[in-house]
Amino acid sequence: MSDKFSNYHAGLESPAERAFAITGNDSTDLTVFPRAIYVGGAGNVKVITLGGDTVTFSGVLAGTVLPVRVKRVFSTDTTATNLIGIY
């Protein structure tokens, strides 16, 4: 089956086309800055946003998509599991 939307330009409000597993790291930024993070297993997610704010999303439920652009996901203080960056 062909992609009927291949001639359209994707914007930030468009559905994501790519995804990757996120492994938290306290000192290294992600190689790709995703549009959102899918949380597979419930817990907290500590990040640095693209704007430079360090925040912890507490009590995130499994199956949640966090609509936030981040450059780092910390291993320390992140208890949520199976994180997927989508972009």
N, C-alpha and C. Protein backbone atom coordinates (compact mmCIF):
# COMPACT_ATOMS: atom_id res chain seq x y z
N MET A 1 0.85 -1.17 0.00
CA MET A 1 0.00 0.00 0.00
C MET A 1 0.89 1.23 0.00
N SER A 2 0.51 2.23 -0.75
CA SER A 2 1.31 3.45 -0.83
C SER A 2 0.91 4.45 0.26
N ASP A 3 1.83 5.38 0.52
CA ASP A 3 1.59 6.43 1.51
C ASP A 3 0.85 7.57 0.84
N LYS A 4 -0.42 7.72 1.13
CA LYS A 4 -1.24 8.75 0.49
C LYS A 4 -0.88 10.16 0.96
N PHE A 5 -0.04 10.27 2.00
CA PHE A 5 0.35 11.57 2.53
C PHE A 5 1.81 11.91 2.22
N SER A 6 2.45 11.18 1.36
CA SER A 6 3.87 11.38 1.08
C SER A 6 4.17 12.75 0.47
N ASN A 7 3.20 13.40 -0.14
CA ASN A 7 3.42 14.71 -0.75
C ASN A 7 3.13 15.87 0.19
N TYR A 8 2.75 15.55 1.43
CA TYR A 8 2.44 16.58 2.41
C TYR A 8 3.65 16.85 3.30
N HIS A 9 3.82 18.11 3.70
CA HIS A 9 4.89 18.48 4.61
C HIS A 9 4.44 18.23 6.05
N ALA A 10 5.25 17.49 6.82
CA ALA A 10 4.91 17.20 8.21
C ALA A 10 5.25 18.39 9.10
N GLY A 11 4.35 18.76 10.00
CA GLY A 11 4.57 19.83 10.97
C GLY A 11 4.57 19.25 12.38
N LEU A 12 4.78 20.11 13.37
CA LEU A 12 4.81 19.63 14.75
C LEU A 12 3.48 19.04 15.22
N GLU A 13 2.39 19.44 14.60
CA GLU A 13 1.09 18.90 14.98
C GLU A 13 0.76 17.61 14.23
N SER A 14 1.61 17.20 13.32
CA SER A 14 1.40 15.97 12.56
C SER A 14 1.75 14.75 13.41
N PRO A 15 1.21 13.60 13.07
CA PRO A 15 1.58 12.38 13.79
C PRO A 15 3.08 12.11 13.65
N ALA A 16 3.66 11.51 14.67
CA ALA A 16 5.08 11.17 14.62
C ALA A 16 5.33 10.11 13.54
N GLU A 17 6.52 10.16 12.98
CA GLU A 17 6.91 9.20 11.94
C GLU A 17 8.02 8.26 12.39
N ARG A 18 8.71 8.61 13.48
CA ARG A 18 9.85 7.82 13.94
C ARG A 18 9.77 7.65 15.45
N ALA A 19 10.52 6.69 15.97
CA ALA A 19 10.54 6.44 17.41
C ALA A 19 11.86 5.76 17.79
N PHE A 20 12.25 5.91 19.05
CA PHE A 20 13.47 5.27 19.54
C PHE A 20 13.36 5.06 21.04
N ALA A 21 14.04 4.02 21.53
CA ALA A 21 14.06 3.74 22.96
C ALA A 21 14.94 4.77 23.65
N ILE A 22 14.48 5.24 24.80
CA ILE A 22 15.25 6.21 25.59
C ILE A 22 15.86 5.50 26.79
N THR A 23 17.18 5.65 26.93
CA THR A 23 17.88 5.20 28.12
C THR A 23 18.36 6.45 28.84
N GLY A 24 17.91 6.64 30.07
CA GLY A 24 18.28 7.84 30.81
C GLY A 24 19.78 7.94 31.03
N ASN A 25 20.26 9.20 31.06
CA ASN A 25 21.68 9.48 31.30
C ASN A 25 21.77 10.83 31.98
N ASP A 26 22.49 10.90 33.09
CA ASP A 26 22.56 12.13 33.87
C ASP A 26 23.48 13.19 33.27
N SER A 27 24.32 12.83 32.32
CA SER A 27 25.29 13.81 31.80
C SER A 27 25.30 13.98 30.29
N THR A 28 24.52 13.20 29.57
CA THR A 28 24.54 13.27 28.11
C THR A 28 23.15 13.54 27.56
N ASP A 29 23.07 14.48 26.63
CA ASP A 29 21.80 14.78 25.96
C ASP A 29 21.45 13.66 24.98
N LEU A 30 20.18 13.57 24.64
CA LEU A 30 19.73 12.63 23.62
C LEU A 30 20.32 13.03 22.28
N THR A 31 20.49 12.08 21.38
CA THR A 31 21.01 12.40 20.05
C THR A 31 19.92 12.97 19.15
N VAL A 32 18.67 12.67 19.47
CA VAL A 32 17.51 13.22 18.77
C VAL A 32 16.60 13.82 19.83
N PHE A 33 16.12 15.04 19.61
CA PHE A 33 15.20 15.68 20.55
C PHE A 33 13.77 15.39 20.09
N PRO A 34 13.06 14.51 20.82
CA PRO A 34 11.74 14.06 20.37
C PRO A 34 10.65 15.12 20.56
N ARG A 35 9.52 14.89 19.91
CA ARG A 35 8.34 15.74 20.08
C ARG A 35 7.60 15.38 21.36
N ALA A 36 7.72 14.13 21.77
CA ALA A 36 7.00 13.64 22.95
C ALA A 36 7.68 12.38 23.44
N ILE A 37 7.30 11.97 24.66
CA ILE A 37 7.82 10.74 25.24
C ILE A 37 6.65 9.84 25.61
N TYR A 38 6.69 8.62 25.12
CA TYR A 38 5.73 7.59 25.53
C TYR A 38 6.29 6.90 26.76
N VAL A 39 5.46 6.74 27.79
CA VAL A 39 5.87 6.09 29.03
C VAL A 39 5.19 4.72 29.10
N GLY A 40 6.00 3.66 29.00
CA GLY A 40 5.46 2.31 29.00
C GLY A 40 5.16 1.77 30.38
N GLY A 41 5.98 2.15 31.37
CA GLY A 41 5.80 1.69 32.74
C GLY A 41 5.72 2.88 33.68
N ALA A 42 4.75 2.89 34.56
CA ALA A 42 4.45 4.04 35.43
C ALA A 42 5.64 4.46 36.29
N GLY A 43 5.68 5.76 36.61
CA GLY A 43 6.72 6.29 37.50
C GLY A 43 6.97 7.76 37.24
N ASN A 44 8.15 8.21 37.66
CA ASN A 44 8.56 9.61 37.48
C ASN A 44 9.50 9.72 36.29
N VAL A 45 9.45 10.87 35.62
CA VAL A 45 10.36 11.13 34.49
C VAL A 45 11.00 12.49 34.71
N LYS A 46 12.32 12.49 34.94
CA LYS A 46 13.07 13.73 35.14
C LYS A 46 13.77 14.09 33.83
N VAL A 47 13.58 15.34 33.38
CA VAL A 47 14.09 15.76 32.08
C VAL A 47 14.67 17.17 32.13
N ILE A 48 15.41 17.49 31.09
CA ILE A 48 15.73 18.89 30.78
C ILE A 48 14.97 19.19 29.49
N THR A 49 14.10 20.18 29.53
CA THR A 49 13.32 20.54 28.35
C THR A 49 14.21 21.21 27.32
N LEU A 50 13.71 21.31 26.10
CA LEU A 50 14.45 21.99 25.05
C LEU A 50 14.73 23.44 25.42
N GLY A 51 13.88 24.03 26.25
CA GLY A 51 14.06 25.40 26.72
C GLY A 51 15.03 25.52 27.88
N GLY A 52 15.52 24.38 28.41
CA GLY A 52 16.53 24.42 29.47
C GLY A 52 16.02 24.23 30.88
N ASP A 53 14.74 23.95 31.06
CA ASP A 53 14.18 23.75 32.40
C ASP A 53 14.36 22.30 32.84
N THR A 54 14.81 22.10 34.08
CA THR A 54 14.90 20.76 34.65
C THR A 54 13.65 20.53 35.49
N VAL A 55 12.87 19.53 35.12
CA VAL A 55 11.62 19.24 35.81
C VAL A 55 11.44 17.74 35.95
N THR A 56 10.64 17.35 36.94
CA THR A 56 10.28 15.95 37.12
C THR A 56 8.78 15.81 36.98
N PHE A 57 8.36 14.99 36.05
CA PHE A 57 6.95 14.65 35.91
C PHE A 57 6.70 13.48 36.86
N SER A 58 5.94 13.72 37.90
CA SER A 58 5.74 12.73 38.96
C SER A 58 4.46 11.93 38.75
N GLY A 59 4.54 10.64 39.05
CA GLY A 59 3.37 9.78 39.00
C GLY A 59 2.77 9.62 37.62
N VAL A 60 3.60 9.55 36.59
CA VAL A 60 3.10 9.38 35.22
C VAL A 60 2.59 7.95 35.07
N LEU A 61 1.39 7.82 34.56
CA LEU A 61 0.77 6.51 34.39
C LEU A 61 1.31 5.79 33.16
N ALA A 62 1.35 4.48 33.22
CA ALA A 62 1.75 3.68 32.06
C ALA A 62 0.81 3.98 30.90
N GLY A 63 1.38 4.10 29.70
CA GLY A 63 0.59 4.39 28.51
C GLY A 63 0.43 5.87 28.21
N THR A 64 1.01 6.72 29.05
CA THR A 64 0.91 8.17 28.86
C THR A 64 1.89 8.63 27.79
N VAL A 65 1.46 9.61 26.99
CA VAL A 65 2.36 10.30 26.08
C VAL A 65 2.55 11.70 26.65
N LEU A 66 3.78 12.01 27.04
CA LEU A 66 4.11 13.34 27.56
C LEU A 66 4.42 14.25 26.37
N PRO A 67 3.59 15.26 26.12
CA PRO A 67 3.80 16.13 24.96
C PRO A 67 4.80 17.24 25.26
N VAL A 68 6.05 16.85 25.49
CA VAL A 68 7.08 17.82 25.85
C VAL A 68 8.34 17.50 25.05
N ARG A 69 8.99 18.55 24.54
CA ARG A 69 10.26 18.38 23.83
C ARG A 69 11.38 18.44 24.84
N VAL A 70 12.23 17.43 24.85
CA VAL A 70 13.31 17.35 25.83
C VAL A 70 14.64 17.10 25.14
N LYS A 71 15.71 17.54 25.82
CA LYS A 71 17.04 17.22 25.31
C LYS A 71 17.76 16.20 26.17
N ARG A 72 17.26 15.98 27.41
CA ARG A 72 17.87 14.97 28.27
C ARG A 72 16.81 14.32 29.14
N VAL A 73 16.96 13.02 29.32
CA VAL A 73 16.17 12.27 30.29
C VAL A 73 17.18 11.70 31.28
N PHE A 74 17.00 12.02 32.55
CA PHE A 74 17.93 11.58 33.59
C PHE A 74 17.70 10.13 33.97
N SER A 75 18.76 9.45 34.35
CA SER A 75 18.61 8.11 34.92
C SER A 75 18.28 8.22 36.41
N THR A 76 18.94 9.17 37.09
CA THR A 76 18.65 9.42 38.50
C THR A 76 17.30 10.12 38.59
N ASP A 77 16.45 9.67 39.46
CA ASP A 77 15.12 10.22 39.72
C ASP A 77 14.09 9.85 38.66
N THR A 78 14.48 9.15 37.60
CA THR A 78 13.50 8.64 36.64
C THR A 78 13.20 7.19 37.01
N THR A 79 11.96 6.95 37.42
CA THR A 79 11.56 5.60 37.82
C THR A 79 10.63 4.95 36.81
N ALA A 80 10.10 5.73 35.88
CA ALA A 80 9.26 5.19 34.81
C ALA A 80 10.14 4.33 33.91
N THR A 81 9.53 3.35 33.26
CA THR A 81 10.28 2.43 32.41
C THR A 81 9.72 2.41 31.00
N ASN A 82 10.47 1.76 30.11
CA ASN A 82 10.06 1.58 28.71
C ASN A 82 9.71 2.92 28.06
N LEU A 83 10.63 3.88 28.18
CA LEU A 83 10.43 5.21 27.58
C LEU A 83 10.77 5.17 26.09
N ILE A 84 9.90 5.77 25.30
CA ILE A 84 10.08 5.83 23.86
C ILE A 84 9.99 7.30 23.43
N GLY A 85 11.01 7.78 22.74
CA GLY A 85 10.96 9.11 22.14
C GLY A 85 10.27 9.01 20.80
N ILE A 86 9.32 9.90 20.56
CA ILE A 86 8.62 9.88 19.26
C ILE A 86 8.80 11.23 18.59
N TYR A 87 9.03 11.16 17.26
CA TYR A 87 9.26 12.39 16.49
C TYR A 87 8.87 12.20 15.05
